[in-house]
Amino acid sequence: MAKFQRGVTAEANLHSLYLMFKARAGNEAEIRTILAGFQSIIETYSEDYSEAELSGFVAIGSEYWPQLYPNKTPIQLCEFPNFKAGHHFAPSTPYDLFIHIRSDRVDVNHLVGTYICHQLAECVYLQEQVKGFRYLDGRDFTGFIEAGDNPHGLKRQQVALVNEKEDPLFAGGSYIHIQRYRHLLSLWQALSETEQENVIGREKLSNRILAQQDPFSHYQTTHVLDENNELIQVLNQSMPYGTMKSEGLFYIACCHTPIAFEQVLASRLGVESEYFDQLLNFTRAETGAAFFAPSVDFLIQNQ
């Protein structure tokens, strides 16, 4: 398989920095050159600050891809699914570039982010930046473990990366979906612990699955089976973010196919069911965008 961007499948860190950009028209050639050197930048800083466990990846927006790489397109690349069901919806807020930087040191993330922004300064506008961080023992602000069912070891690559049979030209790449959720914590904290556990479908402290599941629990609506009765999986690289004014979750799904994310999102919203994820009564998606993170080899060969 082609050399993939290590940040796509990296294990959890303490801090992250998410940068979303809009490209200036006519700078495609320069942007391609900068993206081709992105992993070299990560490797250089990683050597300088080896204890930080630095990694990262760059992904190109689904709507911007035809401008940046007009002659080569991932087979399944598509726009963010702008689903709506009842009072719940998933907004689409496209970005041209998404750069994900993470390590165990916030200062190292800042150093790398500053360098990348300086490199891209003449080519892009920085539309949004979010700093994520590990909260307690890997929990969301709801108090429950985040991404406790994530695959481990080589399974992470199998779930997150396109393989040779699926799309030979884009093997080693990954379909990326992001959503920035803002939590309504005053409403959430008004619930009893038992009520919270019923919404999530797990015990709060232990993360054990509840024996009795409500059909609208977060667990029930996110554990979706495919036509072969097998669990649909994505690699969840989400982290909480927050200030004294707002707190939430920056959700990142990495997968070898965009269909997995679409099916889980449709299930959560109740697009084809009378049941929706009741957690959505306590959190709101404010952004949503689809990207593809190509392999390192593709970025270098197509600069």
Protein backbone atom coordinates (compact mmCIF):
# COMPACT_ATOMS: atom_id res chain seq x y z
CA MET A 1 0.00 0.00 0.00
CA ALA A 2 1.09 3.58 -0.61
CA LYS A 3 2.56 5.46 2.33
CA PHE A 4 -0.39 6.89 4.24
CA GLN A 5 -0.51 10.02 6.36
CA ARG A 6 0.27 8.68 9.82
CA GLY A 7 -1.95 11.22 11.55
CA VAL A 8 -5.07 9.58 10.12
CA THR A 9 -4.63 6.41 12.19
CA ALA A 10 -2.50 7.75 15.07
CA GLU A 11 -3.42 6.86 18.62
CA ALA A 12 -4.90 9.48 20.94
CA ASN A 13 -2.90 12.52 22.10
CA LEU A 14 -3.38 15.19 24.75
CA HIS A 15 -3.81 18.18 22.41
CA SER A 16 -4.94 18.91 18.87
CA LEU A 17 -5.16 21.86 16.52
CA TYR A 18 -7.68 21.95 13.67
CA LEU A 19 -7.22 24.45 10.84
CA MET A 20 -9.87 24.98 8.15
CA PHE A 21 -9.01 27.04 5.07
CA LYS A 22 -10.61 28.63 2.02
CA ALA A 23 -8.26 28.69 -0.99
CA ARG A 24 -7.57 31.80 -3.03
CA ALA A 25 -8.34 31.18 -6.69
CA GLY A 26 -5.39 30.64 -8.99
CA ASN A 27 -2.97 29.27 -6.39
CA GLU A 28 -3.50 25.57 -7.03
CA ALA A 29 0.05 24.84 -8.19
CA GLU A 30 1.62 26.40 -5.10
CA ILE A 31 -0.86 24.71 -2.78
CA ARG A 32 -0.07 21.31 -4.31
CA THR A 33 3.63 21.90 -3.71
CA ILE A 34 3.09 22.89 -0.07
CA LEU A 35 0.81 19.91 0.59
CA ALA A 36 3.41 17.58 -0.93
CA GLY A 37 5.86 18.67 1.77
CA PHE A 38 3.42 18.56 4.69
CA GLN A 39 4.51 15.18 6.06
CA SER A 40 8.17 16.22 5.83
CA ILE A 41 7.34 19.19 8.04
CA ILE A 42 5.62 16.90 10.55
CA GLU A 43 8.60 14.52 10.52
CA THR A 44 11.08 17.36 11.07
CA TYR A 45 9.23 18.74 14.09
CA SER A 46 8.64 15.21 15.34
CA GLU A 47 12.40 14.60 15.40
CA ASP A 48 13.02 17.91 17.17
CA TYR A 49 10.35 17.22 19.80
CA SER A 50 10.26 13.44 19.91
CA GLU A 51 8.56 13.28 23.31
CA ALA A 52 5.54 15.14 21.92
CA GLU A 53 4.34 12.20 19.79
CA LEU A 54 3.46 14.63 16.99
CA SER A 55 1.40 13.57 14.00
CA GLY A 56 -0.94 15.20 11.52
CA PHE A 57 -2.68 14.99 8.20
CA VAL A 58 -3.98 17.27 5.49
CA ALA A 59 -7.26 16.67 3.67
CA ILE A 60 -8.80 18.35 0.62
CA GLY A 61 -12.44 19.41 0.60
CA SER A 62 -14.79 17.46 -1.65
CA GLU A 63 -15.89 20.60 -3.50
CA TYR A 64 -12.36 21.93 -3.89
CA TRP A 65 -10.81 18.67 -5.05
CA PRO A 66 -11.73 19.13 -8.77
CA GLN A 67 -9.87 22.45 -8.79
CA LEU A 68 -6.76 21.16 -7.05
CA TYR A 69 -6.50 17.76 -8.78
CA PRO A 70 -8.79 18.04 -11.84
CA ASN A 71 -7.63 14.85 -13.57
CA LYS A 72 -7.70 12.40 -10.66
CA THR A 73 -10.60 11.93 -8.25
CA PRO A 74 -11.25 9.33 -5.52
CA ILE A 75 -14.02 7.03 -6.73
CA GLN A 76 -16.41 7.69 -3.84
CA LEU A 77 -15.66 11.35 -3.16
CA CYS A 78 -18.88 13.29 -2.57
CA GLU A 79 -20.18 16.34 -0.75
CA PHE A 80 -21.16 16.34 2.90
CA PRO A 81 -24.59 14.68 3.33
CA ASN A 82 -26.90 17.55 4.25
CA PHE A 83 -29.48 15.38 6.04
CA LYS A 84 -32.55 16.68 7.88
CA ALA A 85 -35.20 14.79 9.80
CA GLY A 86 -37.80 16.53 11.94
CA HIS A 87 -36.14 19.20 14.08
CA HIS A 88 -32.68 17.71 13.66
CA PHE A 89 -30.30 18.36 10.79
CA ALA A 90 -26.64 18.19 9.85
CA PRO A 91 -25.46 21.51 8.38
CA SER A 92 -23.02 21.53 5.47
CA THR A 93 -20.25 24.12 5.78
CA PRO A 94 -17.63 23.26 3.14
CA TYR A 95 -13.96 24.06 3.56
CA ASP A 96 -11.23 23.73 0.93
CA LEU A 97 -8.48 22.40 3.20
CA PHE A 98 -8.45 20.75 6.61
CA ILE A 99 -5.19 20.42 8.50
CA HIS A 100 -5.15 18.26 11.62
CA ILE A 101 -2.18 18.62 13.99
CA ARG A 102 -1.93 16.72 17.27
CA SER A 103 0.62 15.90 19.92
CA ASP A 104 1.09 15.78 23.68
CA ARG A 105 2.34 19.39 23.73
CA VAL A 106 0.17 22.37 22.91
CA ASP A 107 3.25 24.51 22.19
CA VAL A 108 4.49 22.06 19.55
CA ASN A 109 1.08 22.09 17.89
CA HIS A 110 1.25 25.87 17.86
CA LEU A 111 4.74 25.86 16.35
CA VAL A 112 3.67 23.53 13.53
CA GLY A 113 0.41 25.39 12.93
CA THR A 114 2.21 28.72 12.75
CA TYR A 115 4.70 27.34 10.25
CA ILE A 116 1.98 25.84 8.03
CA CYS A 117 -0.10 29.02 8.11
CA HIS A 118 2.98 31.04 7.15
CA GLN A 119 3.65 28.72 4.22
CA LEU A 120 0.06 28.94 3.00
CA ALA A 121 -0.43 32.63 3.77
CA GLU A 122 -0.48 33.84 0.15
CA CYS A 123 -2.71 30.99 -1.01
CA VAL A 124 -5.53 30.63 1.52
CA TYR A 125 -7.75 32.31 4.09
CA LEU A 126 -7.93 30.77 7.53
CA GLN A 127 -11.68 30.34 8.08
CA GLU A 128 -11.70 28.60 11.44
CA GLN A 129 -9.34 27.16 14.01
CA VAL A 130 -10.21 24.95 16.96
CA LYS A 131 -8.00 23.61 19.75
CA GLY A 132 -8.98 20.22 21.12
CA PHE A 133 -7.71 18.56 24.26
CA ARG A 134 -7.97 15.35 26.22
CA TYR A 135 -10.58 15.77 28.95
CA LEU A 136 -10.08 13.73 32.12
CA ASP A 137 -9.57 10.05 31.16
CA GLY A 138 -10.64 10.42 27.54
CA ARG A 139 -14.16 11.67 28.20
CA ASP A 140 -16.47 14.09 26.44
CA PHE A 141 -17.92 17.02 28.42
CA THR A 142 -21.02 14.88 28.89
CA GLY A 143 -18.89 12.86 31.30
CA PHE A 144 -18.91 9.72 29.13
CA ILE A 145 -15.94 8.06 27.45
CA GLU A 146 -15.48 9.28 23.87
CA ALA A 147 -14.72 6.76 21.11
CA GLY A 148 -14.49 3.84 23.50
CA ASP A 149 -15.29 1.41 20.68
CA ASN A 150 -12.52 2.57 18.35
CA PRO A 151 -10.61 -0.19 16.51
CA HIS A 152 -7.07 -0.91 17.65
CA GLY A 153 -3.81 -2.00 16.03
CA LEU A 154 -3.93 -2.92 12.35
CA LYS A 155 -7.73 -2.76 12.46
CA ARG A 156 -7.42 1.03 12.56
CA GLN A 157 -5.80 0.98 9.13
CA GLN A 158 -8.33 -1.48 7.75
CA VAL A 159 -11.20 0.75 8.84
CA ALA A 160 -9.69 4.13 7.99
CA LEU A 161 -7.69 3.58 4.79
CA VAL A 162 -8.71 2.86 1.21
CA ASN A 163 -7.20 -0.42 0.03
CA GLU A 164 -5.79 -1.41 -3.37
CA LYS A 165 -8.91 -3.29 -4.45
CA GLU A 166 -11.27 -0.41 -3.64
CA ASP A 167 -9.38 2.33 -5.49
CA PRO A 168 -5.78 1.56 -6.60
CA LEU A 169 -4.85 5.17 -7.36
CA PHE A 170 -6.00 6.36 -3.95
CA ALA A 171 -4.94 3.42 -1.79
CA GLY A 172 -3.68 4.67 1.57
CA GLY A 173 -6.03 7.61 1.51
CA SER A 174 -8.99 8.22 3.79
CA TYR A 175 -12.43 9.80 3.55
CA ILE A 176 -12.69 12.40 6.32
CA HIS A 177 -15.84 13.96 7.75
CA ILE A 178 -15.84 16.65 10.42
CA GLN A 179 -18.56 18.20 12.55
CA ARG A 180 -18.11 20.75 15.32
CA TYR A 181 -20.76 20.08 17.95
CA ARG A 182 -21.68 22.62 20.59
CA HIS A 183 -23.06 21.05 23.75
CA LEU A 184 -26.07 22.38 25.66
CA LEU A 185 -24.54 21.45 28.97
CA SER A 186 -27.03 23.26 31.19
CA LEU A 187 -29.78 21.02 29.79
CA TRP A 188 -27.57 17.93 30.03
CA GLN A 189 -26.54 18.56 33.60
CA ALA A 190 -30.17 18.94 34.62
CA LEU A 191 -30.60 15.20 33.95
CA SER A 192 -29.98 12.61 36.62
CA GLU A 193 -27.10 10.19 36.08
CA THR A 194 -29.60 7.43 35.30
CA GLU A 195 -31.30 9.61 32.69
CA GLN A 196 -27.93 10.45 31.13
CA GLU A 197 -27.00 6.76 30.99
CA ASN A 198 -30.27 5.96 29.23
CA VAL A 199 -29.58 8.66 26.64
CA ILE A 200 -26.05 7.35 25.98
CA GLY A 201 -26.86 3.65 26.45
CA ARG A 202 -23.85 3.06 28.70
CA GLU A 203 -22.89 3.24 32.35
CA LYS A 204 -21.21 6.57 32.97
CA LEU A 205 -18.28 5.46 35.10
CA SER A 206 -17.43 2.07 33.60
CA ASN A 207 -18.57 2.67 30.01
CA ARG A 208 -20.32 -0.72 30.05
CA ILE A 209 -23.21 -1.12 27.64
CA LEU A 210 -26.60 -1.09 29.33
CA ALA A 211 -28.41 -4.42 29.19
CA GLN A 212 -31.69 -2.65 28.47
CA GLN A 213 -31.34 -0.25 25.51
CA ASP A 214 -33.80 2.43 24.48
CA PRO A 215 -34.16 2.52 20.67
CA PHE A 216 -33.24 6.22 20.71
CA SER A 217 -30.02 5.86 22.75
CA HIS A 218 -26.76 7.13 21.34
CA TYR A 219 -25.34 3.61 21.41
CA GLN A 220 -28.30 2.11 19.58
CA THR A 221 -28.40 4.75 16.83
CA THR A 222 -24.64 4.74 16.19
CA HIS A 223 -24.19 0.97 16.09
CA VAL A 224 -25.54 0.39 12.61
CA LEU A 225 -25.37 -2.92 10.76
CA ASP A 226 -24.79 -3.29 7.02
CA GLU A 227 -26.57 -5.61 4.58
CA ASN A 228 -24.38 -8.50 5.81
CA ASN A 229 -25.39 -7.83 9.41
CA GLU A 230 -21.89 -6.57 10.23
CA LEU A 231 -21.17 -3.46 12.27
CA ILE A 232 -20.42 -0.34 10.23
CA GLN A 233 -17.23 1.22 11.59
CA VAL A 234 -15.37 4.49 11.27
CA LEU A 235 -12.17 5.51 13.06
CA ASN A 236 -13.23 8.23 15.47
CA GLN A 237 -10.49 10.85 15.96
CA SER A 238 -12.68 13.32 17.88
CA MET A 239 -11.62 15.52 20.81
CA PRO A 240 -13.43 17.93 23.11
CA TYR A 241 -12.84 21.66 22.72
CA GLY A 242 -13.94 24.46 24.96
CA THR A 243 -13.71 27.94 26.42
CA MET A 244 -15.52 29.53 29.33
CA LYS A 245 -18.25 30.55 26.84
CA SER A 246 -18.86 27.32 24.96
CA GLU A 247 -17.88 23.66 25.08
CA GLY A 248 -18.36 20.82 22.68
CA LEU A 249 -16.88 18.04 20.60
CA PHE A 250 -14.93 18.34 17.37
CA TYR A 251 -15.99 15.14 15.65
CA ILE A 252 -13.70 13.54 13.05
CA ALA A 253 -14.58 10.32 11.22
CA CYS A 254 -11.91 8.60 9.09
CA CYS A 255 -12.94 5.72 6.85
CA HIS A 256 -12.10 3.79 3.69
CA THR A 257 -15.55 4.74 2.37
CA PRO A 258 -17.78 7.80 2.93
CA ILE A 259 -20.85 5.56 2.96
CA ALA A 260 -20.14 4.44 6.53
CA PHE A 261 -20.31 7.98 7.92
CA GLU A 262 -23.44 8.73 5.88
CA GLN A 263 -25.23 5.65 7.19
CA VAL A 264 -24.39 6.37 10.82
CA LEU A 265 -25.36 10.04 10.48
CA ALA A 266 -28.67 9.10 8.84
CA SER A 267 -29.34 6.69 11.69
CA ARG A 268 -28.57 9.30 14.34
CA LEU A 269 -30.93 11.80 12.73
CA GLY A 270 -33.67 9.23 12.17
CA VAL A 271 -33.77 9.86 8.42
CA GLU A 272 -35.32 6.46 7.71
CA SER A 273 -36.57 5.61 11.18
CA GLU A 274 -38.93 6.95 13.80
CA TYR A 275 -36.05 6.92 16.29
CA PHE A 276 -33.28 9.52 16.44
CA ASP A 277 -30.25 9.81 18.71
CA GLN A 278 -31.65 11.50 21.81
CA LEU A 279 -28.19 12.94 22.54
CA LEU A 280 -28.98 15.42 19.74
CA ASN A 281 -31.41 17.10 22.14
CA PHE A 282 -28.35 18.16 24.15
CA THR A 283 -25.82 19.03 21.44
CA ARG A 284 -25.95 20.82 18.08
CA ALA A 285 -23.76 20.38 15.00
CA GLU A 286 -22.71 23.85 13.90
CA THR A 287 -20.44 22.75 11.02
CA GLY A 288 -20.10 19.79 8.68
CA ALA A 289 -17.65 19.11 5.85
CA ALA A 290 -16.33 16.24 3.74
CA PHE A 291 -12.69 15.75 2.69
CA PHE A 292 -10.27 13.23 1.30
CA ALA A 293 -6.82 12.77 2.84
CA PRO A 294 -4.61 11.31 0.07
CA SER A 295 -1.59 9.16 0.65
CA VAL A 296 1.82 10.81 1.04
CA ASP A 297 2.83 9.22 -2.27
CA PHE A 298 -0.11 10.79 -4.09
CA LEU A 299 0.65 14.26 -2.72
CA ILE A 300 4.30 14.01 -3.75
CA GLN A 301 3.65 12.53 -7.19
CA ASN A 302 0.97 15.08 -8.07
CA GLN A 303 2.51 18.33 -6.87
